[in-house]
Protein backbone atom coordinates (compact mmCIF):
# COMPACT_ATOMS: atom_id res chain seq x y z
CA MET A 1 -1.73 18.26 17.30
CA THR A 2 1.41 16.33 16.40
CA MET A 3 2.47 12.83 17.31
CA SER A 4 3.43 12.60 20.99
CA ASP A 5 6.97 12.39 22.33
CA GLY A 6 5.93 9.20 24.11
CA ASP A 7 5.48 10.48 27.67
CA PRO A 8 3.76 7.51 29.37
CA ARG A 9 1.81 9.87 31.66
CA ARG A 10 0.35 12.00 28.87
CA TYR A 11 -3.16 10.57 29.27
CA GLU A 12 -3.11 9.98 33.00
CA HIS A 13 -5.61 12.82 33.43
CA LEU A 14 -8.19 10.74 31.55
CA THR A 15 -7.94 8.00 34.16
CA GLU A 16 -8.17 10.55 36.97
CA THR A 17 -11.27 12.12 35.42
CA ARG A 18 -12.95 8.75 34.92
CA LEU A 19 -12.21 7.89 38.54
CA HIS A 20 -13.25 11.12 40.23
CA ASP A 21 -15.66 12.79 37.77
CA PRO A 22 -17.21 10.29 35.33
CA GLY A 23 -19.99 12.77 34.56
CA ALA A 24 -17.43 14.87 32.70
CA VAL A 25 -17.85 12.66 29.63
CA LEU A 26 -21.52 13.56 29.23
CA ARG A 27 -20.86 17.24 29.99
CA ALA A 28 -18.17 17.35 27.34
CA ALA A 29 -20.55 15.75 24.84
CA GLN A 30 -23.43 18.09 25.59
CA THR A 31 -21.45 21.35 25.62
CA ARG A 32 -19.09 20.81 22.69
CA PRO A 33 -19.42 22.80 19.46
CA ARG A 34 -21.44 20.86 16.88
CA HIS A 35 -20.89 20.03 13.24
CA PRO A 36 -23.52 21.56 10.92
CA GLY A 37 -24.22 18.21 9.29
CA PRO A 38 -23.88 17.01 5.70
CA GLN A 39 -23.65 19.80 3.16
CA ARG A 40 -24.75 19.50 -0.46
CA GLY A 41 -21.83 19.00 -2.82
CA ARG A 42 -19.33 18.26 -0.05
CA GLN A 43 -18.29 14.70 0.68
CA LEU A 44 -17.83 13.62 4.29
CA PHE A 45 -14.58 12.44 5.84
CA ILE A 46 -15.10 10.16 8.86
CA LEU A 47 -12.31 8.39 10.75
CA ALA A 48 -13.05 4.84 11.91
CA SER A 49 -11.62 3.54 15.17
CA ASP A 50 -13.86 0.78 16.48
CA HIS A 51 -11.57 -2.15 15.65
CA PRO A 52 -10.08 -2.73 19.14
CA ALA A 53 -13.49 -3.39 20.71
CA ARG A 54 -13.75 -6.45 18.45
CA GLY A 55 -10.24 -7.56 19.44
CA ALA A 56 -9.04 -6.78 15.91
CA LEU A 57 -5.76 -5.11 16.84
CA GLY A 58 -3.54 -6.05 13.91
CA VAL A 59 -2.21 -3.84 11.14
CA LYS A 60 -0.13 -5.50 8.42
CA ASP A 61 2.60 -7.60 10.12
CA ASP A 62 1.99 -6.26 13.64
CA PRO A 63 -0.77 -8.27 15.36
CA LEU A 64 -1.00 -5.79 18.27
CA ALA A 65 -0.54 -2.48 16.45
CA MET A 66 -3.69 -0.97 17.95
CA ALA A 67 -3.20 -2.36 21.45
CA ASP A 68 -1.41 0.72 22.82
CA ARG A 69 -4.29 3.07 23.64
CA ARG A 70 -1.99 6.04 24.18
CA ASP A 71 -0.44 5.61 20.76
CA LEU A 72 -3.89 5.21 19.19
CA LEU A 73 -5.13 8.41 20.84
CA ASP A 74 -2.04 10.25 19.57
CA ARG A 75 -2.81 9.11 16.05
CA LEU A 76 -6.51 9.94 16.32
CA GLN A 77 -5.81 13.44 17.61
CA THR A 78 -3.36 14.06 14.78
CA ALA A 79 -5.93 12.93 12.22
CA LEU A 80 -8.89 14.74 13.80
CA ALA A 81 -6.91 18.00 13.90
CA HIS A 82 -7.09 18.15 10.10
CA PRO A 83 -9.82 20.71 9.31
CA ARG A 84 -11.20 18.57 6.46
CA VAL A 85 -12.01 15.65 8.79
CA ASP A 86 -15.72 15.79 9.63
CA GLY A 87 -15.98 13.22 12.39
CA VAL A 88 -15.20 9.88 13.89
CA LEU A 89 -16.76 6.43 14.20
CA ALA A 90 -15.71 4.74 17.43
CA SER A 91 -16.67 2.39 20.22
CA PRO A 92 -17.80 3.95 23.53
CA ASP A 93 -14.43 3.68 25.28
CA ILE A 94 -12.51 5.50 22.55
CA LEU A 95 -15.22 8.06 21.93
CA ASP A 96 -15.37 8.91 25.64
CA ASP A 97 -11.62 9.54 25.67
CA LEU A 98 -11.88 11.79 22.61
CA LEU A 99 -14.73 13.74 24.20
CA LEU A 100 -12.68 14.35 27.35
CA LEU A 101 -9.75 15.48 25.22
CA GLY A 102 -11.89 17.96 23.29
CA ALA A 103 -10.68 16.25 20.11
CA VAL A 104 -14.16 15.93 18.59
CA ASP A 105 -15.38 19.48 19.07
CA GLY A 106 -17.14 20.49 15.86
CA LYS A 107 -17.12 16.90 14.60
CA LEU A 108 -19.80 14.35 13.75
CA LEU A 109 -19.97 11.38 16.11
CA PHE A 110 -20.95 7.89 15.01
CA GLY A 111 -21.14 5.11 17.57
CA SER A 112 -20.25 1.46 16.98
CA MET A 113 -23.17 -0.68 18.10
CA ASN A 114 -22.43 -4.39 17.62
CA ARG A 115 -18.99 -5.65 18.63
CA ALA A 116 -19.58 -9.20 19.91
CA GLY A 117 -18.66 -11.01 16.69
CA LEU A 118 -15.03 -11.51 17.68
CA PRO A 119 -12.70 -12.81 14.96
CA GLY A 120 -12.35 -16.56 15.29
CA LEU A 121 -15.20 -16.90 17.80
CA VAL A 122 -17.12 -20.13 17.37
CA ASN A 123 -20.33 -18.17 16.71
CA GLU A 124 -18.78 -15.07 15.12
CA VAL A 125 -21.82 -14.33 12.98
CA ASP A 126 -23.88 -13.93 16.16
CA ASP A 127 -22.62 -10.35 16.36
CA ARG A 128 -24.69 -9.04 19.24
CA PHE A 129 -25.15 -5.39 20.13
CA THR A 130 -22.72 -4.83 23.00
CA GLY A 131 -21.64 -1.26 22.24
CA HIS A 132 -23.50 1.99 21.79
CA THR A 133 -27.29 2.07 22.03
CA ALA A 134 -29.53 4.46 20.15
CA ALA A 135 -30.60 6.15 23.39
CA GLY A 136 -26.99 6.54 24.52
CA LEU A 137 -25.98 8.04 21.20
CA ALA A 138 -28.87 10.49 21.33
CA ALA A 139 -27.78 11.59 24.81
CA ILE A 140 -24.31 12.60 23.56
CA GLY A 141 -25.62 14.34 20.45
CA ALA A 142 -24.24 11.76 18.01
CA ALA A 143 -25.12 11.81 14.33
CA GLY A 144 -25.81 8.09 14.21
CA GLY A 145 -24.77 4.53 14.86
CA LYS A 146 -23.03 1.91 12.76
CA MET A 147 -23.67 -1.82 12.63
CA LEU A 148 -21.60 -4.47 10.90
CA THR A 149 -24.03 -6.85 9.18
CA ARG A 150 -22.51 -10.11 7.96
CA ILE A 151 -24.91 -12.25 5.97
CA ALA A 152 -23.73 -15.86 6.05
CA PHE A 153 -26.03 -18.29 4.26
CA ASP A 154 -24.18 -21.17 5.92
CA ASP A 155 -24.79 -19.92 9.48
CA THR A 156 -28.07 -20.13 11.37
CA HIS A 157 -27.28 -16.96 13.34
CA THR A 158 -27.75 -14.81 10.24
CA THR A 159 -31.53 -14.52 10.61
CA SER A 160 -31.39 -13.28 14.19
CA MET A 161 -28.64 -10.82 13.31
CA LEU A 162 -30.66 -9.39 10.46
CA GLU A 163 -33.56 -8.95 12.85
CA ALA A 164 -31.31 -7.27 15.44
CA THR A 165 -29.96 -4.93 12.78
CA ALA A 166 -33.48 -4.01 11.69
CA ARG A 167 -34.41 -3.21 15.29
CA ALA A 168 -31.32 -1.02 15.67
CA VAL A 169 -32.22 0.82 12.46
CA ASP A 170 -35.69 1.53 13.83
CA ALA A 171 -34.31 2.67 17.21
CA LEU A 172 -31.88 5.08 15.57
CA HIS A 173 -34.59 6.45 13.33
CA ARG A 174 -36.86 7.06 16.31
CA HIS A 175 -34.13 9.35 17.65
CA GLN A 176 -33.76 10.96 14.20
CA MET A 177 -30.24 9.62 13.78
CA VAL A 178 -28.45 7.96 10.91
CA ALA A 179 -28.35 4.16 10.76
CA MET A 180 -25.08 3.28 9.02
CA ILE A 181 -25.11 -0.35 7.86
CA GLU A 182 -21.90 -2.09 6.80
CA PRO A 183 -23.06 -5.27 5.01
CA PHE A 184 -21.09 -8.23 3.72
CA ILE A 185 -21.94 -11.59 2.24
CA SER A 186 -19.80 -13.88 4.38
CA MET A 187 -19.00 -17.57 4.51
CA HIS A 188 -16.96 -20.06 6.50
CA ARG A 189 -13.73 -21.20 4.88
CA GLN A 190 -11.26 -23.49 6.68
CA GLY A 191 -12.58 -22.51 10.07
CA GLN A 192 -12.62 -18.77 9.40
CA LEU A 193 -15.40 -16.35 8.54
CA VAL A 194 -14.44 -14.50 5.36
CA ASN A 195 -16.19 -11.79 3.36
CA ASP A 196 -16.98 -12.27 -0.32
CA LEU A 197 -15.71 -9.12 -2.06
CA SER A 198 -16.87 -10.06 -5.53
CA THR A 199 -19.03 -7.43 -7.20
CA ASP A 200 -22.06 -9.72 -7.32
CA ALA A 201 -21.79 -10.46 -3.58
CA VAL A 202 -21.50 -6.79 -2.63
CA VAL A 203 -24.50 -5.93 -4.82
CA ARG A 204 -26.50 -8.67 -3.09
CA SER A 205 -25.46 -7.41 0.35
CA VAL A 206 -26.65 -3.92 -0.60
CA ALA A 207 -30.03 -5.24 -1.68
CA ILE A 208 -30.52 -7.03 1.65
CA ALA A 209 -29.14 -4.32 3.93
CA GLN A 210 -31.09 -1.41 2.51
CA GLY A 211 -34.36 -3.23 3.18
CA LEU A 212 -33.77 -3.62 6.92
CA GLY A 213 -35.96 -1.64 9.29
CA GLY A 214 -39.34 -0.01 8.96
CA SER A 215 -37.93 2.95 7.03
CA SER A 216 -34.81 3.70 5.05
CA ALA A 217 -35.19 7.49 5.34
CA ARG A 218 -32.11 7.87 7.55
CA THR A 219 -30.18 4.77 6.50
CA TRP A 220 -26.68 5.04 5.02
CA LEU A 221 -24.47 2.28 3.66
CA LYS A 222 -20.78 1.74 4.40
CA LEU A 223 -19.32 -0.31 1.56
CA PRO A 224 -15.97 -1.68 0.39
CA VAL A 225 -14.42 -0.56 -2.88
CA VAL A 226 -14.51 -3.51 -5.26
CA ALA A 227 -14.26 -4.16 -8.97
CA GLU A 228 -17.06 -2.67 -11.08
CA MET A 229 -18.00 -0.25 -8.33
CA GLU A 230 -20.41 1.38 -10.79
CA ARG A 231 -22.63 -1.72 -10.54
CA VAL A 232 -22.56 -1.54 -6.75
CA MET A 233 -23.66 2.09 -6.68
CA ALA A 234 -26.36 1.38 -9.27
CA ALA A 235 -27.93 -0.97 -6.70
CA THR A 236 -28.91 1.76 -4.23
CA THR A 237 -30.19 5.29 -3.79
CA LEU A 238 -29.00 5.43 -0.17
CA PRO A 239 -26.14 7.74 0.84
CA THR A 240 -22.98 5.64 0.79
CA VAL A 241 -19.56 6.06 2.38
CA LEU A 242 -16.56 3.99 1.40
CA LEU A 243 -14.79 1.92 4.03
CA GLY A 244 -11.04 1.92 4.43
CA GLY A 245 -10.01 -1.43 3.01
CA SER A 246 -7.88 -4.32 4.23
CA ALA A 247 -5.49 -3.65 7.11
CA ALA A 248 -2.91 -5.73 5.21
CA ALA A 249 -2.98 -3.65 2.02
CA GLY A 250 -0.54 -0.87 1.25
CA THR A 251 -1.57 2.72 1.95
CA GLU A 252 -0.86 3.99 -1.56
CA ASP A 253 -2.72 1.06 -3.15
CA ILE A 254 -5.85 1.77 -1.11
CA LEU A 255 -5.72 5.50 -1.77
CA ALA A 256 -5.51 4.75 -5.49
CA THR A 257 -8.74 2.72 -5.38
CA TRP A 258 -10.64 5.49 -3.58
CA ALA A 259 -10.15 8.20 -6.20
CA PRO A 260 -12.39 6.79 -8.99
CA ALA A 261 -14.94 5.37 -6.53
CA LEU A 262 -15.40 8.76 -4.85
CA ARG A 263 -16.51 10.23 -8.19
CA LEU A 264 -19.47 7.85 -8.55
CA PRO A 265 -23.06 9.06 -7.99
CA GLY A 266 -24.32 8.33 -4.50
CA VAL A 267 -20.89 8.15 -2.85
CA GLN A 268 -20.95 10.71 -0.06
CA GLY A 269 -17.47 10.27 1.37
CA LEU A 270 -15.05 8.07 3.30
CA THR A 271 -15.13 6.21 6.60
CA ALA A 272 -11.55 5.03 6.92
CA GLY A 273 -9.42 3.92 9.84
CA ARG A 274 -6.27 1.84 9.95
CA VAL A 275 -5.04 2.74 6.47
CA LEU A 276 -4.81 6.39 7.57
CA LEU A 277 -4.00 5.96 11.27
CA TYR A 278 -1.23 3.43 10.57
CA PRO A 279 0.13 4.38 7.14
CA ASP A 280 3.14 2.63 5.66
CA ASP A 281 5.46 5.59 6.21
CA GLY A 282 4.11 6.35 9.71
CA ASP A 283 3.06 9.89 8.72
CA VAL A 284 -0.58 10.13 9.83
CA ALA A 285 -0.92 13.82 8.97
CA ARG A 286 0.29 13.23 5.41
CA ALA A 287 -2.02 10.23 4.86
CA VAL A 288 -5.02 12.24 6.03
CA GLU A 289 -4.01 15.17 3.83
CA VAL A 290 -3.79 12.95 0.76
CA ALA A 291 -7.17 11.35 1.50
CA ALA A 292 -8.75 14.77 2.07
CA GLY A 293 -7.54 15.87 -1.33
CA LEU A 294 -9.56 13.10 -2.99
CA LEU A 295 -12.87 14.37 -1.61
CA ARG A 296 -15.34 16.56 -3.42
CA GLY A 297 -16.13 19.89 -1.81
CA GLY A 298 -12.77 21.55 -1.24
CA GLY A 299 -11.29 22.59 2.07
CA ALA A 300 -12.48 22.88 5.62
CA ARG A 301 -15.83 24.25 6.66
CA PRO A 302 -15.49 27.96 7.37
CA ASP A 303 -17.17 27.50 10.73
CA SER A 304 -15.13 24.51 11.83
CA ARG A 305 -13.23 24.68 15.10
CA ASP A 306 -9.67 23.35 15.17
CA PRO A 307 -9.77 20.44 17.64
CA ALA A 308 -6.07 20.98 18.38
CA LYS A 309 -6.74 24.49 19.66
CA PRO A 310 -6.94 24.65 23.46
CA ARG A 311 -10.36 25.25 24.96
CA THR A 312 -11.22 28.77 25.96
CA SER A 313 -11.82 29.54 29.63
CA GLU A 314 -15.55 29.70 28.89
CA GLU A 315 -15.52 26.20 27.39
CA GLU A 316 -13.54 24.85 30.32
CA GLU A 317 -16.04 26.41 32.74
CA ARG A 318 -18.96 24.65 31.05
CA LEU A 319 -17.28 21.28 31.69
CA ARG A 320 -16.81 21.83 35.42
């Protein structure tokens, strides 16, 4: 899959399918080839694309970079076609499109569960679960669900959000799926909710997040790369993936921070989005290739199916 030539009708068939055959989404999910799951000694590479559902559309100096869904799908398909990419983390709308496109065949699926904490909203910390549910994720054969967990000591909504996160962890575990928690210590500054990326704050967020829910057996952490990352990883025994970094930072700068962090014990891979989908030079395939080269475990899985390869007639028949 390469970047599209810009034909405005290139995804019109998705609209037609949603209109006339909405059940095709579930059929595509249930009949697609599956990923074998995490493999010992091989770090995971997950693309993240749940930002639009929170209204966070900006990348660097373009406040609406992610607003064009066709362009975003082009970029996602280019990235997912790389054989070293293991899966995608997305909101239901994007994941449904990718399922209909066959772009996530052989990939791990992670659903984005809480998206109501819109940037700048008066009660942003009250980040309610408006996206994927555990039952819905189980129905499509997902690997797990992710929840952003902002812990703001100056906001009364924090307690209820911690409780909601714990309930989501338990629900995912009941379906034997991964609960991926992305915690931050946050605070209000000049009318905005900001995350504290000091090492001490990230360590404290880890301590709180890994204790949520009745069991941590299937809980993973999604953490930022910060100074003294060794101290952060010393705070947990949970599998941890690194998040992509600030949408305003340069691609090369972020890639440079990943390399040493990926070598730390407990780090099981990357969950990155805008830095790879919207790289400085516009070359998505190159950015993904560079990121893949940082991961432990070598090349593609020998049993992986190329998502860019057209479906066989047998696969098409199963979706009818």
